[in-house]
Amino acid sequence: MKTKAFLLLCLFIGICITQLSAQGGVMFNTFIVTLRPGVTMDQYLDFLKTRYASEYNKNFPGSKLIIGSPDSWRKKNQYSFFYTFESEKEYQKYYINDGKDMSDECKAGWEKMKSIKQEVSEYILDSKRVEVEWEKWMEDVK
């Protein structure tokens, strides 16, 4: 199983790198969540992939949200958001000062996402953004 997870990760990274060279860039955030009683990680991921991502894609033209969740991460209730941008210009439309700040257009997009972000609380009790320690993760999947 760890070999499959490792190969899946390599494939996913390869696709992202290909997209990165063809597009303006890729950003990602990784989260660990505490699910509400009776909610499975599959249910939450289905919500993110169908409802949340489509809402993001509608409110942030020129950008696309992809949800990453290899099987080995699901045991830890962990997933990643991968944001792709069609061009450097599109990225700079949303993130200014070398990505340190959000533009007014970006803030307006997140404001439109308020209702779907509230729906997230139907699935999870808590969410923590984590830094992925790639070297440690690679050791774990070997």
C-alpha atoms as a PDB file:
ATOM      1  CA  MET A   1       0.000   0.000   0.000  1.00  0.00           C
ATOM      2  CA  LYS A   2       2.828   2.399   0.799  1.00  0.00           C
ATOM      3  CA  THR A   3       4.348   1.771  -2.628  1.00  0.00           C
ATOM      4  CA  LYS A   4       1.030   2.616  -4.293  1.00  0.00           C
ATOM      5  CA  ALA A   5       0.757   5.817  -2.232  1.00  0.00           C
ATOM      6  CA  PHE A   6       4.307   6.768  -3.147  1.00  0.00           C
ATOM      7  CA  LEU A   7       3.677   6.156  -6.859  1.00  0.00           C
ATOM      8  CA  LEU A   8       0.438   8.120  -6.688  1.00  0.00           C
ATOM      9  CA  LEU A   9       2.258  11.017  -5.052  1.00  0.00           C
ATOM     10  CA  CYS A  10       4.996  10.911  -7.737  1.00  0.00           C
ATOM     11  CA  LEU A  11       2.340  10.941 -10.466  1.00  0.00           C
ATOM     12  CA  PHE A  12       0.480  13.815  -8.811  1.00  0.00           C
ATOM     13  CA  ILE A  13       3.678  15.855  -8.382  1.00  0.00           C
ATOM     14  CA  GLY A  14       4.587  15.156 -12.012  1.00  0.00           C
ATOM     15  CA  ILE A  15       1.209  16.406 -13.188  1.00  0.00           C
ATOM     16  CA  CYS A  16       1.539  19.517 -11.000  1.00  0.00           C
ATOM     17  CA  ILE A  17       5.024  20.252 -12.341  1.00  0.00           C
ATOM     18  CA  THR A  18       3.729  19.880 -15.914  1.00  0.00           C
ATOM     19  CA  GLN A  19       0.866  22.215 -15.102  1.00  0.00           C
ATOM     20  CA  LEU A  20       3.237  24.628 -13.361  1.00  0.00           C
ATOM     21  CA  SER A  21       5.388  24.980 -16.452  1.00  0.00           C
ATOM     22  CA  ALA A  22       2.312  25.483 -18.647  1.00  0.00           C
ATOM     23  CA  GLN A  23       0.538  27.811 -16.255  1.00  0.00           C
ATOM     24  CA  GLY A  24       1.333  30.761 -14.067  1.00  0.00           C
ATOM     25  CA  GLY A  25       1.965  28.763 -10.937  1.00  0.00           C
ATOM     26  CA  VAL A  26       0.756  26.408  -8.282  1.00  0.00           C
ATOM     27  CA  MET A  27       0.197  27.059  -4.573  1.00  0.00           C
ATOM     28  CA  PHE A  28      -0.829  24.467  -2.050  1.00  0.00           C
ATOM     29  CA  ASN A  29      -1.987  24.180   1.531  1.00  0.00           C
ATOM     30  CA  THR A  30      -2.265  20.972   3.536  1.00  0.00           C
ATOM     31  CA  PHE A  31      -4.799  20.472   6.317  1.00  0.00           C
ATOM     32  CA  ILE A  32      -5.606  17.937   9.018  1.00  0.00           C
ATOM     33  CA  VAL A  33      -9.206  17.901  10.173  1.00  0.00           C
ATOM     34  CA  THR A  34     -11.243  16.576  13.050  1.00  0.00           C
ATOM     35  CA  LEU A  35     -14.433  15.165  11.578  1.00  0.00           C
ATOM     36  CA  ARG A  36     -17.857  15.513  13.159  1.00  0.00           C
ATOM     37  CA  PRO A  37     -19.254  12.285  14.631  1.00  0.00           C
ATOM     38  CA  GLY A  38     -20.832  10.169  11.893  1.00  0.00           C
ATOM     39  CA  VAL A  39     -18.948  11.929   9.065  1.00  0.00           C
ATOM     40  CA  THR A  40     -16.363   9.991   7.083  1.00  0.00           C
ATOM     41  CA  MET A  41     -13.332  11.438   5.356  1.00  0.00           C
ATOM     42  CA  ASP A  42     -14.747  10.205   2.046  1.00  0.00           C
ATOM     43  CA  GLN A  43     -17.925  12.233   2.617  1.00  0.00           C
ATOM     44  CA  TYR A  44     -15.925  15.351   3.442  1.00  0.00           C
ATOM     45  CA  LEU A  45     -13.618  14.922   0.438  1.00  0.00           C
ATOM     46  CA  ASP A  46     -16.632  14.408  -1.821  1.00  0.00           C
ATOM     47  CA  PHE A  47     -18.075  17.713  -0.563  1.00  0.00           C
ATOM     48  CA  LEU A  48     -14.747  19.481  -1.148  1.00  0.00           C
ATOM     49  CA  LYS A  49     -14.311  18.047  -4.645  1.00  0.00           C
ATOM     50  CA  THR A  50     -17.866  18.621  -5.835  1.00  0.00           C
ATOM     51  CA  ARG A  51     -19.215  21.663  -4.037  1.00  0.00           C
ATOM     52  CA  TYR A  52     -16.295  23.599  -2.566  1.00  0.00           C
ATOM     53  CA  ALA A  53     -13.925  23.341  -5.554  1.00  0.00           C
ATOM     54  CA  SER A  54     -16.649  24.250  -8.068  1.00  0.00           C
ATOM     55  CA  GLU A  55     -17.582  27.309  -5.998  1.00  0.00           C
ATOM     56  CA  TYR A  56     -13.918  28.354  -5.816  1.00  0.00           C
ATOM     57  CA  ASN A  57     -13.457  27.877  -9.557  1.00  0.00           C
ATOM     58  CA  LYS A  58     -16.534  30.032 -10.230  1.00  0.00           C
ATOM     59  CA  ASN A  59     -15.380  32.871  -7.947  1.00  0.00           C
ATOM     60  CA  PHE A  60     -11.714  32.934  -8.981  1.00  0.00           C
ATOM     61  CA  PRO A  61     -11.569  33.054 -12.791  1.00  0.00           C
ATOM     62  CA  GLY A  62      -8.115  32.242 -14.127  1.00  0.00           C
ATOM     63  CA  SER A  63      -7.452  29.954 -11.172  1.00  0.00           C
ATOM     64  CA  LYS A  64      -8.477  26.383 -10.417  1.00  0.00           C
ATOM     65  CA  LEU A  65      -8.686  24.434  -7.157  1.00  0.00           C
ATOM     66  CA  ILE A  66      -7.724  20.758  -7.091  1.00  0.00           C
ATOM     67  CA  ILE A  67      -8.167  18.596  -3.981  1.00  0.00           C
ATOM     68  CA  GLY A  68      -5.349  16.124  -3.289  1.00  0.00           C
ATOM     69  CA  SER A  69      -5.894  13.228  -0.908  1.00  0.00           C
ATOM     70  CA  PRO A  70      -3.701  10.138  -1.364  1.00  0.00           C
ATOM     71  CA  ASP A  71      -4.992   7.053   0.469  1.00  0.00           C
ATOM     72  CA  SER A  72      -2.180   7.142   3.016  1.00  0.00           C
ATOM     73  CA  TRP A  73      -3.217  10.647   4.100  1.00  0.00           C
ATOM     74  CA  ARG A  74      -6.877   9.744   4.617  1.00  0.00           C
ATOM     75  CA  LYS A  75      -5.960   7.720   7.682  1.00  0.00           C
ATOM     76  CA  LYS A  76      -4.747  10.952   9.213  1.00  0.00           C
ATOM     77  CA  ASN A  77      -7.732  12.976   7.901  1.00  0.00           C
ATOM     78  CA  GLN A  78      -5.315  14.964   5.797  1.00  0.00           C
ATOM     79  CA  TYR A  79      -5.733  16.547   2.378  1.00  0.00           C
ATOM     80  CA  SER A  80      -4.257  19.340   0.273  1.00  0.00           C
ATOM     81  CA  PHE A  81      -5.626  22.219  -1.754  1.00  0.00           C
ATOM     82  CA  PHE A  82      -3.671  22.836  -4.964  1.00  0.00           C
ATOM     83  CA  TYR A  83      -4.390  26.207  -6.546  1.00  0.00           C
ATOM     84  CA  THR A  84      -3.307  26.604 -10.178  1.00  0.00           C
ATOM     85  CA  PHE A  85      -3.198  29.860 -12.114  1.00  0.00           C
ATOM     86  CA  GLU A  86      -3.446  30.260 -15.887  1.00  0.00           C
ATOM     87  CA  SER A  87      -0.654  32.816 -15.946  1.00  0.00           C
ATOM     88  CA  GLU A  88       1.581  34.932 -13.752  1.00  0.00           C
ATOM     89  CA  LYS A  89      -0.790  37.829 -14.477  1.00  0.00           C
ATOM     90  CA  GLU A  90      -3.729  35.826 -13.068  1.00  0.00           C
ATOM     91  CA  TYR A  91      -1.744  34.990  -9.943  1.00  0.00           C
ATOM     92  CA  GLN A  92      -0.828  38.656  -9.436  1.00  0.00           C
ATOM     93  CA  LYS A  93      -4.466  39.626  -9.914  1.00  0.00           C
ATOM     94  CA  TYR A  94      -5.207  37.808  -6.638  1.00  0.00           C
ATOM     95  CA  TYR A  95      -1.944  37.904  -4.693  1.00  0.00           C
ATOM     96  CA  ILE A  96       0.210  41.011  -4.442  1.00  0.00           C
ATOM     97  CA  ASN A  97       3.536  41.862  -2.801  1.00  0.00           C
ATOM     98  CA  ASP A  98       5.107  38.567  -3.906  1.00  0.00           C
ATOM     99  CA  GLY A  99       2.096  36.611  -2.634  1.00  0.00           C
ATOM    100  CA  LYS A 100       2.194  38.046   0.878  1.00  0.00           C
ATOM    101  CA  ASP A 101      -1.091  39.939   0.557  1.00  0.00           C
ATOM    102  CA  MET A 102      -4.480  39.409  -1.064  1.00  0.00           C
ATOM    103  CA  SER A 103      -5.761  41.910  -3.605  1.00  0.00           C
ATOM    104  CA  ASP A 104      -9.212  43.447  -3.277  1.00  0.00           C
ATOM    105  CA  GLU A 105     -10.382  41.087  -6.041  1.00  0.00           C
ATOM    106  CA  CYS A 106      -9.122  38.112  -4.031  1.00  0.00           C
ATOM    107  CA  LYS A 107     -10.840  39.336  -0.872  1.00  0.00           C
ATOM    108  CA  ALA A 108     -14.082  39.760  -2.866  1.00  0.00           C
ATOM    109  CA  GLY A 109     -13.767  36.181  -4.160  1.00  0.00           C
ATOM    110  CA  TRP A 110     -13.373  34.821  -0.628  1.00  0.00           C
ATOM    111  CA  GLU A 111     -16.319  36.946   0.513  1.00  0.00           C
ATOM    112  CA  LYS A 112     -18.463  35.205  -2.137  1.00  0.00           C
ATOM    113  CA  MET A 113     -17.238  31.877  -0.717  1.00  0.00           C
ATOM    114  CA  LYS A 114     -18.635  32.662   2.756  1.00  0.00           C
ATOM    115  CA  SER A 115     -21.740  30.473   2.503  1.00  0.00           C
ATOM    116  CA  ILE A 116     -19.876  27.418   1.172  1.00  0.00           C
ATOM    117  CA  LYS A 117     -17.191  27.888   3.833  1.00  0.00           C
ATOM    118  CA  GLN A 118     -19.959  27.792   6.449  1.00  0.00           C
ATOM    119  CA  GLU A 119     -21.108  24.441   5.034  1.00  0.00           C
ATOM    120  CA  VAL A 120     -17.674  23.043   5.863  1.00  0.00           C
ATOM    121  CA  SER A 121     -18.671  23.133   9.553  1.00  0.00           C
ATOM    122  CA  GLU A 122     -21.342  20.494   8.822  1.00  0.00           C
ATOM    123  CA  TYR A 123     -18.484  18.039   8.169  1.00  0.00           C
ATOM    124  CA  ILE A 124     -15.648  19.034  10.484  1.00  0.00           C
ATOM    125  CA  LEU A 125     -15.147  20.277  14.026  1.00  0.00           C
ATOM    126  CA  ASP A 126     -11.622  21.614  13.536  1.00  0.00           C
ATOM    127  CA  SER A 127      -9.080  22.179  10.769  1.00  0.00           C
ATOM    128  CA  LYS A 128      -5.382  22.851  11.132  1.00  0.00           C
ATOM    129  CA  ARG A 129      -3.069  23.940   8.351  1.00  0.00           C
ATOM    130  CA  VAL A 130       0.156  21.966   8.466  1.00  0.00           C
ATOM    131  CA  GLU A 131       3.540  22.202   6.880  1.00  0.00           C
ATOM    132  CA  VAL A 132       4.318  18.973   5.099  1.00  0.00           C
ATOM    133  CA  GLU A 133       7.780  17.738   5.963  1.00  0.00           C
ATOM    134  CA  TRP A 134       8.467  16.059   2.619  1.00  0.00           C
ATOM    135  CA  GLU A 135      11.616  14.222   3.708  1.00  0.00           C
ATOM    136  CA  LYS A 136       9.837  12.667   6.698  1.00  0.00           C
ATOM    137  CA  TRP A 137       6.773  11.835   4.602  1.00  0.00           C
ATOM    138  CA  MET A 138       8.905  10.169   1.931  1.00  0.00           C
ATOM    139  CA  GLU A 139      10.579   8.045   4.625  1.00  0.00           C
ATOM    140  CA  ASP A 140       7.174   7.023   6.000  1.00  0.00           C
ATOM    141  CA  VAL A 141       5.923   5.789   2.615  1.00  0.00           C
ATOM    142  CA  LYS A 142       9.059   3.762   1.785  1.00  0.00           C
END
